[in-house]
Amino acid sequence: MSQINYDAMSTTELKQYFLKHRGDNAAFQAYLDRINQRPLKIIASPDDPDFDEKVQAAIRQKLETARNKSSKGSNT
């Protein structure tokens, strides 16, 4: 059996590989390691007076990004 080079995969490719090979614990660990290396993005602190507005704006932005990726994928 050949060794899989998880480092050569993009994060999306690694995620897709793991989802198809759920028993591959090394792939799962490689994915978790990669995700945990990402810097955390702080949207707002709990005592921020605009907390709700900032969180809702972040959710809208995430949804819009997902829609744009979905529509680009269906147009190709």
PDB file of N, CA and C in Angstrom:
ATOM      1  N   MET A   1       0.849  -1.185   0.000  1.00  0.00           N
ATOM      2  CA  MET A   1       0.000   0.000   0.000  1.00  0.00           C
ATOM      3  C   MET A   1       0.890   1.241   0.000  1.00  0.00           C
ATOM      4  N   SER A   2       0.583   2.218  -0.829  1.00  0.00           N
ATOM      5  CA  SER A   2       1.406   3.417  -0.928  1.00  0.00           C
ATOM      6  C   SER A   2       1.034   4.424   0.154  1.00  0.00           C
ATOM      7  N   GLN A   3       2.029   5.217   0.525  1.00  0.00           N
ATOM      8  CA  GLN A   3       1.810   6.259   1.520  1.00  0.00           C
ATOM      9  C   GLN A   3       1.090   7.434   0.866  1.00  0.00           C
ATOM     10  N   ILE A   4       0.146   8.005   1.569  1.00  0.00           N
ATOM     11  CA  ILE A   4      -0.580   9.178   1.094  1.00  0.00           C
ATOM     12  C   ILE A   4       0.137  10.416   1.618  1.00  0.00           C
ATOM     13  N   ASN A   5       0.391  11.379   0.753  1.00  0.00           N
ATOM     14  CA  ASN A   5       1.042  12.625   1.156  1.00  0.00           C
ATOM     15  C   ASN A   5      -0.042  13.671   1.428  1.00  0.00           C
ATOM     16  N   TYR A   6      -0.463  13.760   2.685  1.00  0.00           N
ATOM     17  CA  TYR A   6      -1.523  14.699   3.055  1.00  0.00           C
ATOM     18  C   TYR A   6      -1.069  16.140   2.904  1.00  0.00           C
ATOM     19  N   ASP A   7       0.234  16.392   3.085  1.00  0.00           N
ATOM     20  CA  ASP A   7       0.754  17.748   2.962  1.00  0.00           C
ATOM     21  C   ASP A   7       0.625  18.289   1.541  1.00  0.00           C
ATOM     22  N   ALA A   8       0.621  17.402   0.563  1.00  0.00           N
ATOM     23  CA  ALA A   8       0.519  17.824  -0.825  1.00  0.00           C
ATOM     24  C   ALA A   8      -0.918  18.188  -1.209  1.00  0.00           C
ATOM     25  N   MET A   9      -1.876  17.812  -0.362  1.00  0.00           N
ATOM     26  CA  MET A   9      -3.294  18.086  -0.643  1.00  0.00           C
ATOM     27  C   MET A   9      -3.680  19.462  -0.124  1.00  0.00           C
ATOM     28  N   SER A  10      -4.586  20.122  -0.842  1.00  0.00           N
ATOM     29  CA  SER A  10      -5.164  21.348  -0.311  1.00  0.00           C
ATOM     30  C   SER A  10      -6.067  20.962   0.859  1.00  0.00           C
ATOM     31  N   THR A  11      -6.470  21.933   1.641  1.00  0.00           N
ATOM     32  CA  THR A  11      -7.359  21.643   2.766  1.00  0.00           C
ATOM     33  C   THR A  11      -8.664  21.038   2.275  1.00  0.00           C
ATOM     34  N   THR A  12      -9.188  21.546   1.174  1.00  0.00           N
ATOM     35  CA  THR A  12     -10.424  21.006   0.608  1.00  0.00           C
ATOM     36  C   THR A  12     -10.236  19.576   0.136  1.00  0.00           C
ATOM     37  N   GLU A  13      -9.113  19.307  -0.540  1.00  0.00           N
ATOM     38  CA  GLU A  13      -8.828  17.942  -1.000  1.00  0.00           C
ATOM     39  C   GLU A  13      -8.670  16.986   0.180  1.00  0.00           C
ATOM     40  N   LEU A  14      -7.992  17.445   1.217  1.00  0.00           N
ATOM     41  CA  LEU A  14      -7.796  16.608   2.405  1.00  0.00           C
ATOM     42  C   LEU A  14      -9.131  16.304   3.075  1.00  0.00           C
ATOM     43  N   LYS A  15      -9.992  17.293   3.152  1.00  0.00           N
ATOM     44  CA  LYS A  15     -11.320  17.084   3.740  1.00  0.00           C
ATOM     45  C   LYS A  15     -12.110  16.071   2.919  1.00  0.00           C
ATOM     46  N   GLN A  16     -12.105  16.233   1.613  1.00  0.00           N
ATOM     47  CA  GLN A  16     -12.828  15.299   0.745  1.00  0.00           C
ATOM     48  C   GLN A  16     -12.250  13.887   0.854  1.00  0.00           C
ATOM     49  N   TYR A  17     -10.924  13.782   0.924  1.00  0.00           N
ATOM     50  CA  TYR A  17     -10.284  12.472   1.070  1.00  0.00           C
ATOM     51  C   TYR A  17     -10.735  11.818   2.374  1.00  0.00           C
ATOM     52  N   PHE A  18     -10.688  12.594   3.456  1.00  0.00           N
ATOM     53  CA  PHE A  18     -11.090  12.029   4.745  1.00  0.00           C
ATOM     54  C   PHE A  18     -12.552  11.597   4.732  1.00  0.00           C
ATOM     55  N   LEU A  19     -13.416  12.405   4.139  1.00  0.00           N
ATOM     56  CA  LEU A  19     -14.835  12.048   4.095  1.00  0.00           C
ATOM     57  C   LEU A  19     -15.074  10.753   3.316  1.00  0.00           C
ATOM     58  N   LYS A  20     -14.239  10.479   2.325  1.00  0.00           N
ATOM     59  CA  LYS A  20     -14.361   9.240   1.548  1.00  0.00           C
ATOM     60  C   LYS A  20     -13.667   8.057   2.218  1.00  0.00           C
ATOM     61  N   HIS A  21     -12.703   8.359   3.105  1.00  0.00           N
ATOM     62  CA  HIS A  21     -11.921   7.320   3.776  1.00  0.00           C
ATOM     63  C   HIS A  21     -11.984   7.546   5.287  1.00  0.00           C
ATOM     64  N   ARG A  22     -13.175   7.425   5.842  1.00  0.00           N
ATOM     65  CA  ARG A  22     -13.402   7.762   7.252  1.00  0.00           C
ATOM     66  C   ARG A  22     -12.598   6.903   8.222  1.00  0.00           C
ATOM     67  N   GLY A  23     -12.150   5.765   7.803  1.00  0.00           N
ATOM     68  CA  GLY A  23     -11.352   4.914   8.669  1.00  0.00           C
ATOM     69  C   GLY A  23      -9.881   5.288   8.708  1.00  0.00           C
ATOM     70  N   ASP A  24      -9.474   6.244   7.887  1.00  0.00           N
ATOM     71  CA  ASP A  24      -8.072   6.661   7.820  1.00  0.00           C
ATOM     72  C   ASP A  24      -7.811   7.682   8.927  1.00  0.00           C
ATOM     73  N   ASN A  25      -7.366   7.173  10.074  1.00  0.00           N
ATOM     74  CA  ASN A  25      -7.136   8.048  11.224  1.00  0.00           C
ATOM     75  C   ASN A  25      -6.022   9.055  10.972  1.00  0.00           C
ATOM     76  N   ALA A  26      -5.029   8.694  10.178  1.00  0.00           N
ATOM     77  CA  ALA A  26      -3.940   9.618   9.872  1.00  0.00           C
ATOM     78  C   ALA A  26      -4.464  10.806   9.062  1.00  0.00           C
ATOM     79  N   ALA A  27      -5.389  10.551   8.143  1.00  0.00           N
ATOM     80  CA  ALA A  27      -5.974  11.640   7.353  1.00  0.00           C
ATOM     81  C   ALA A  27      -6.791  12.559   8.254  1.00  0.00           C
ATOM     82  N   PHE A  28      -7.539  11.960   9.172  1.00  0.00           N
ATOM     83  CA  PHE A  28      -8.331  12.750  10.108  1.00  0.00           C
ATOM     84  C   PHE A  28      -7.421  13.621  10.965  1.00  0.00           C
ATOM     85  N   GLN A  29      -6.344  13.050  11.475  1.00  0.00           N
ATOM     86  CA  GLN A  29      -5.412  13.812  12.304  1.00  0.00           C
ATOM     87  C   GLN A  29      -4.746  14.923  11.497  1.00  0.00           C
ATOM     88  N   ALA A  30      -4.363  14.631  10.257  1.00  0.00           N
ATOM     89  CA  ALA A  30      -3.747  15.651   9.400  1.00  0.00           C
ATOM     90  C   ALA A  30      -4.713  16.799   9.160  1.00  0.00           C
ATOM     91  N   TYR A  31      -5.990  16.475   8.959  1.00  0.00           N
ATOM     92  CA  TYR A  31      -7.005  17.515   8.745  1.00  0.00           C
ATOM     93  C   TYR A  31      -7.176  18.363  10.007  1.00  0.00           C
ATOM     94  N   LEU A  32      -7.275  17.705  11.171  1.00  0.00           N
ATOM     95  CA  LEU A  32      -7.419  18.446  12.425  1.00  0.00           C
ATOM     96  C   LEU A  32      -6.209  19.337  12.680  1.00  0.00           C
ATOM     97  N   ASP A  33      -5.019  18.811  12.428  1.00  0.00           N
ATOM     98  CA  ASP A  33      -3.802  19.605  12.615  1.00  0.00           C
ATOM     99  C   ASP A  33      -3.831  20.843  11.733  1.00  0.00           C
ATOM    100  N   ARG A  34      -4.252  20.662  10.495  1.00  0.00           N
ATOM    101  CA  ARG A  34      -4.283  21.799   9.568  1.00  0.00           C
ATOM    102  C   ARG A  34      -5.320  22.830   9.998  1.00  0.00           C
ATOM    103  N   ILE A  35      -6.488  22.376  10.397  1.00  0.00           N
ATOM    104  CA  ILE A  35      -7.540  23.300  10.833  1.00  0.00           C
ATOM    105  C   ILE A  35      -7.100  24.060  12.079  1.00  0.00           C
ATOM    106  N   ASN A  36      -6.442  23.381  12.999  1.00  0.00           N
ATOM    107  CA  ASN A  36      -6.011  24.017  14.245  1.00  0.00           C
ATOM    108  C   ASN A  36      -4.860  24.992  14.048  1.00  0.00           C
ATOM    109  N   GLN A  37      -4.203  24.957  12.899  1.00  0.00           N
ATOM    110  CA  GLN A  37      -3.128  25.896  12.613  1.00  0.00           C
ATOM    111  C   GLN A  37      -3.666  27.244  12.129  1.00  0.00           C
ATOM    112  N   ARG A  38      -4.919  27.278  11.745  1.00  0.00           N
ATOM    113  CA  ARG A  38      -5.510  28.527  11.267  1.00  0.00           C
ATOM    114  C   ARG A  38      -5.656  29.512  12.426  1.00  0.00           C
ATOM    115  N   PRO A  39      -5.365  30.771  12.173  1.00  0.00           N
ATOM    116  CA  PRO A  39      -5.588  31.753  13.235  1.00  0.00           C
ATOM    117  C   PRO A  39      -7.088  31.942  13.466  1.00  0.00           C
ATOM    118  N   LEU A  40      -7.436  32.135  14.717  1.00  0.00           N
ATOM    119  CA  LEU A  40      -8.839  32.359  15.042  1.00  0.00           C
ATOM    120  C   LEU A  40      -9.221  33.783  14.668  1.00  0.00           C
ATOM    121  N   LYS A  41     -10.384  33.933  14.087  1.00  0.00           N
ATOM    122  CA  LYS A  41     -10.872  35.249  13.718  1.00  0.00           C
ATOM    123  C   LYS A  41     -11.917  35.663  14.750  1.00  0.00           C
ATOM    124  N   ILE A  42     -11.603  36.689  15.518  1.00  0.00           N
ATOM    125  CA  ILE A  42     -12.513  37.191  16.540  1.00  0.00           C
ATOM    126  C   ILE A  42     -13.447  38.210  15.879  1.00  0.00           C
ATOM    127  N   ILE A  43     -14.737  37.914  15.924  1.00  0.00           N
ATOM    128  CA  ILE A  43     -15.729  38.801  15.315  1.00  0.00           C
ATOM    129  C   ILE A  43     -16.087  39.929  16.270  1.00  0.00           C
ATOM    130  N   ALA A  44     -16.364  39.574  17.514  1.00  0.00           N
ATOM    131  CA  ALA A  44     -16.730  40.557  18.532  1.00  0.00           C
ATOM    132  C   ALA A  44     -16.593  39.908  19.900  1.00  0.00           C
ATOM    133  N   SER A  45     -16.357  40.715  20.887  1.00  0.00           N
ATOM    134  CA  SER A  45     -16.307  40.189  22.256  1.00  0.00           C
ATOM    135  C   SER A  45     -17.715  40.260  22.850  1.00  0.00           C
ATOM    136  N   PRO A  46     -18.002  39.421  23.833  1.00  0.00           N
ATOM    137  CA  PRO A  46     -19.364  39.389  24.404  1.00  0.00           C
ATOM    138  C   PRO A  46     -19.831  40.724  24.975  1.00  0.00           C
ATOM    139  N   ASP A  47     -18.908  41.562  25.421  1.00  0.00           N
ATOM    140  CA  ASP A  47     -19.324  42.847  25.987  1.00  0.00           C
ATOM    141  C   ASP A  47     -19.392  43.964  24.943  1.00  0.00           C
ATOM    142  N   ASP A  48     -19.180  43.639  23.693  1.00  0.00           N
ATOM    143  CA  ASP A  48     -19.258  44.613  22.601  1.00  0.00           C
ATOM    144  C   ASP A  48     -20.710  45.058  22.423  1.00  0.00           C
ATOM    145  N   PRO A  49     -20.980  46.359  22.422  1.00  0.00           N
ATOM    146  CA  PRO A  49     -22.366  46.819  22.270  1.00  0.00           C
ATOM    147  C   PRO A  49     -22.985  46.446  20.916  1.00  0.00           C
ATOM    148  N   ASP A  50     -22.161  46.204  19.912  1.00  0.00           N
ATOM    149  CA  ASP A  50     -22.659  45.820  18.582  1.00  0.00           C
ATOM    150  C   ASP A  50     -22.498  44.324  18.334  1.00  0.00           C
ATOM    151  N   PHE A  51     -22.448  43.533  19.384  1.00  0.00           N
ATOM    152  CA  PHE A  51     -22.200  42.099  19.272  1.00  0.00           C
ATOM    153  C   PHE A  51     -23.160  41.426  18.296  1.00  0.00           C
ATOM    154  N   ASP A  52     -24.463  41.588  18.509  1.00  0.00           N
ATOM    155  CA  ASP A  52     -25.458  40.924  17.651  1.00  0.00           C
ATOM    156  C   ASP A  52     -25.310  41.333  16.195  1.00  0.00           C
ATOM    157  N   GLU A  53     -25.128  42.603  15.966  1.00  0.00           N
ATOM    158  CA  GLU A  53     -24.988  43.101  14.590  1.00  0.00           C
ATOM    159  C   GLU A  53     -23.749  42.520  13.910  1.00  0.00           C
ATOM    160  N   LYS A  54     -22.639  42.465  14.631  1.00  0.00           N
ATOM    161  CA  LYS A  54     -21.403  41.938  14.055  1.00  0.00           C
ATOM    162  C   LYS A  54     -21.506  40.441  13.760  1.00  0.00           C
ATOM    163  N   VAL A  55     -22.129  39.705  14.654  1.00  0.00           N
ATOM    164  CA  VAL A  55     -22.291  38.263  14.441  1.00  0.00           C
ATOM    165  C   VAL A  55     -23.215  38.017  13.253  1.00  0.00           C
ATOM    166  N   GLN A  56     -24.310  38.739  13.170  1.00  0.00           N
ATOM    167  CA  GLN A  56     -25.228  38.574  12.047  1.00  0.00           C
ATOM    168  C   GLN A  56     -24.556  38.942  10.728  1.00  0.00           C
ATOM    169  N   ALA A  57     -23.750  39.987  10.719  1.00  0.00           N
ATOM    170  CA  ALA A  57     -23.024  40.376   9.503  1.00  0.00           C
ATOM    171  C   ALA A  57     -22.040  39.280   9.089  1.00  0.00           C
ATOM    172  N   ALA A  58     -21.365  38.679  10.058  1.00  0.00           N
ATOM    173  CA  ALA A  58     -20.417  37.595   9.756  1.00  0.00           C
ATOM    174  C   ALA A  58     -21.152  36.380   9.187  1.00  0.00           C
ATOM    175  N   ILE A  59     -22.317  36.086   9.726  1.00  0.00           N
ATOM    176  CA  ILE A  59     -23.117  34.963   9.214  1.00  0.00           C
ATOM    177  C   ILE A  59     -23.571  35.243   7.795  1.00  0.00           C
ATOM    178  N   ARG A  60     -24.060  36.462   7.550  1.00  0.00           N
ATOM    179  CA  ARG A  60     -24.483  36.827   6.185  1.00  0.00           C
ATOM    180  C   ARG A  60     -23.322  36.708   5.203  1.00  0.00           C
ATOM    181  N   GLN A  61     -22.144  37.163   5.612  1.00  0.00           N
ATOM    182  CA  GLN A  61     -20.973  37.088   4.740  1.00  0.00           C
ATOM    183  C   GLN A  61     -20.608  35.637   4.442  1.00  0.00           C
ATOM    184  N   LYS A  62     -20.643  34.785   5.456  1.00  0.00           N
ATOM    185  CA  LYS A  62     -20.328  33.362   5.266  1.00  0.00           C
ATOM    186  C   LYS A  62     -21.336  32.715   4.318  1.00  0.00           C
ATOM    187  N   LEU A  63     -22.619  33.028   4.490  1.00  0.00           N
ATOM    188  CA  LEU A  63     -23.648  32.480   3.609  1.00  0.00           C
ATOM    189  C   LEU A  63     -23.467  32.962   2.173  1.00  0.00           C
ATOM    190  N   GLU A  64     -23.136  34.225   2.013  1.00  0.00           N
ATOM    191  CA  GLU A  64     -22.929  34.774   0.669  1.00  0.00           C
ATOM    192  C   GLU A  64     -21.732  34.113  -0.007  1.00  0.00           C
ATOM    193  N   THR A  65     -20.661  33.906   0.746  1.00  0.00           N
ATOM    194  CA  THR A  65     -19.482  33.227   0.210  1.00  0.00           C
ATOM    195  C   THR A  65     -19.838  31.810  -0.229  1.00  0.00           C
ATOM    196  N   ALA A  66     -20.619  31.115   0.592  1.00  0.00           N
ATOM    197  CA  ALA A  66     -21.029  29.743   0.249  1.00  0.00           C
ATOM    198  C   ALA A  66     -21.911  29.743  -0.990  1.00  0.00           C
ATOM    199  N   ARG A  67     -22.806  30.694  -1.101  1.00  0.00           N
ATOM    200  CA  ARG A  67     -23.666  30.792  -2.296  1.00  0.00           C
ATOM    201  C   ARG A  67     -22.839  31.044  -3.542  1.00  0.00           C
ATOM    202  N   ASN A  68     -21.868  31.955  -3.435  1.00  0.00           N
ATOM    203  CA  ASN A  68     -21.024  32.265  -4.582  1.00  0.00           C
ATOM    204  C   ASN A  68     -20.202  31.050  -5.025  1.00  0.00           C
ATOM    205  N   LYS A  69     -19.664  30.305  -4.069  1.00  0.00           N
ATOM    206  CA  LYS A  69     -18.908  29.100  -4.406  1.00  0.00           C
ATOM    207  C   LYS A  69     -19.831  28.072  -5.064  1.00  0.00           C
ATOM    208  N   SER A  70     -21.043  27.956  -4.549  1.00  0.00           N
ATOM    209  CA  SER A  70     -22.005  26.988  -5.084  1.00  0.00           C
ATOM    210  C   SER A  70     -22.410  27.357  -6.503  1.00  0.00           C
ATOM    211  N   SER A  71     -22.665  28.642  -6.732  1.00  0.00           N
ATOM    212  CA  SER A  71     -23.088  29.045  -8.074  1.00  0.00           C
ATOM    213  C   SER A  71     -21.956  28.932  -9.087  1.00  0.00           C
ATOM    214  N   LYS A  72     -20.711  29.186  -8.657  1.00  0.00           N
ATOM    215  CA  LYS A  72     -19.564  29.018  -9.553  1.00  0.00           C
ATOM    216  C   LYS A  72     -19.374  27.555  -9.918  1.00  0.00           C
ATOM    217  N   GLY A  73     -19.589  26.670  -8.953  1.00  0.00           N
ATOM    218  CA  GLY A  73     -19.435  25.249  -9.194  1.00  0.00           C
ATOM    219  C   GLY A  73     -20.475  24.699 -10.137  1.00  0.00           C
ATOM    220  N   SER A  74     -21.681  25.249 -10.105  1.00  0.00           N
ATOM    221  CA  SER A  74     -22.751  24.747 -10.967  1.00  0.00           C
ATOM    222  C   SER A  74     -22.671  25.345 -12.369  1.00  0.00           C
ATOM    223  N   ASN A  75     -21.887  26.428 -12.543  1.00  0.00           N
ATOM    224  CA  ASN A  75     -21.766  27.061 -13.857  1.00  0.00           C
ATOM    225  C   ASN A  75     -20.669  26.447 -14.706  1.00  0.00           C
ATOM    226  N   THR A  76     -19.840  25.593 -14.116  1.00  0.00           N
ATOM    227  CA  THR A  76     -18.725  25.034 -14.899  1.00  0.00           C
ATOM    228  C   THR A  76     -19.096  23.743 -15.534  1.00  0.00           C
TER     229      THR A  76
END
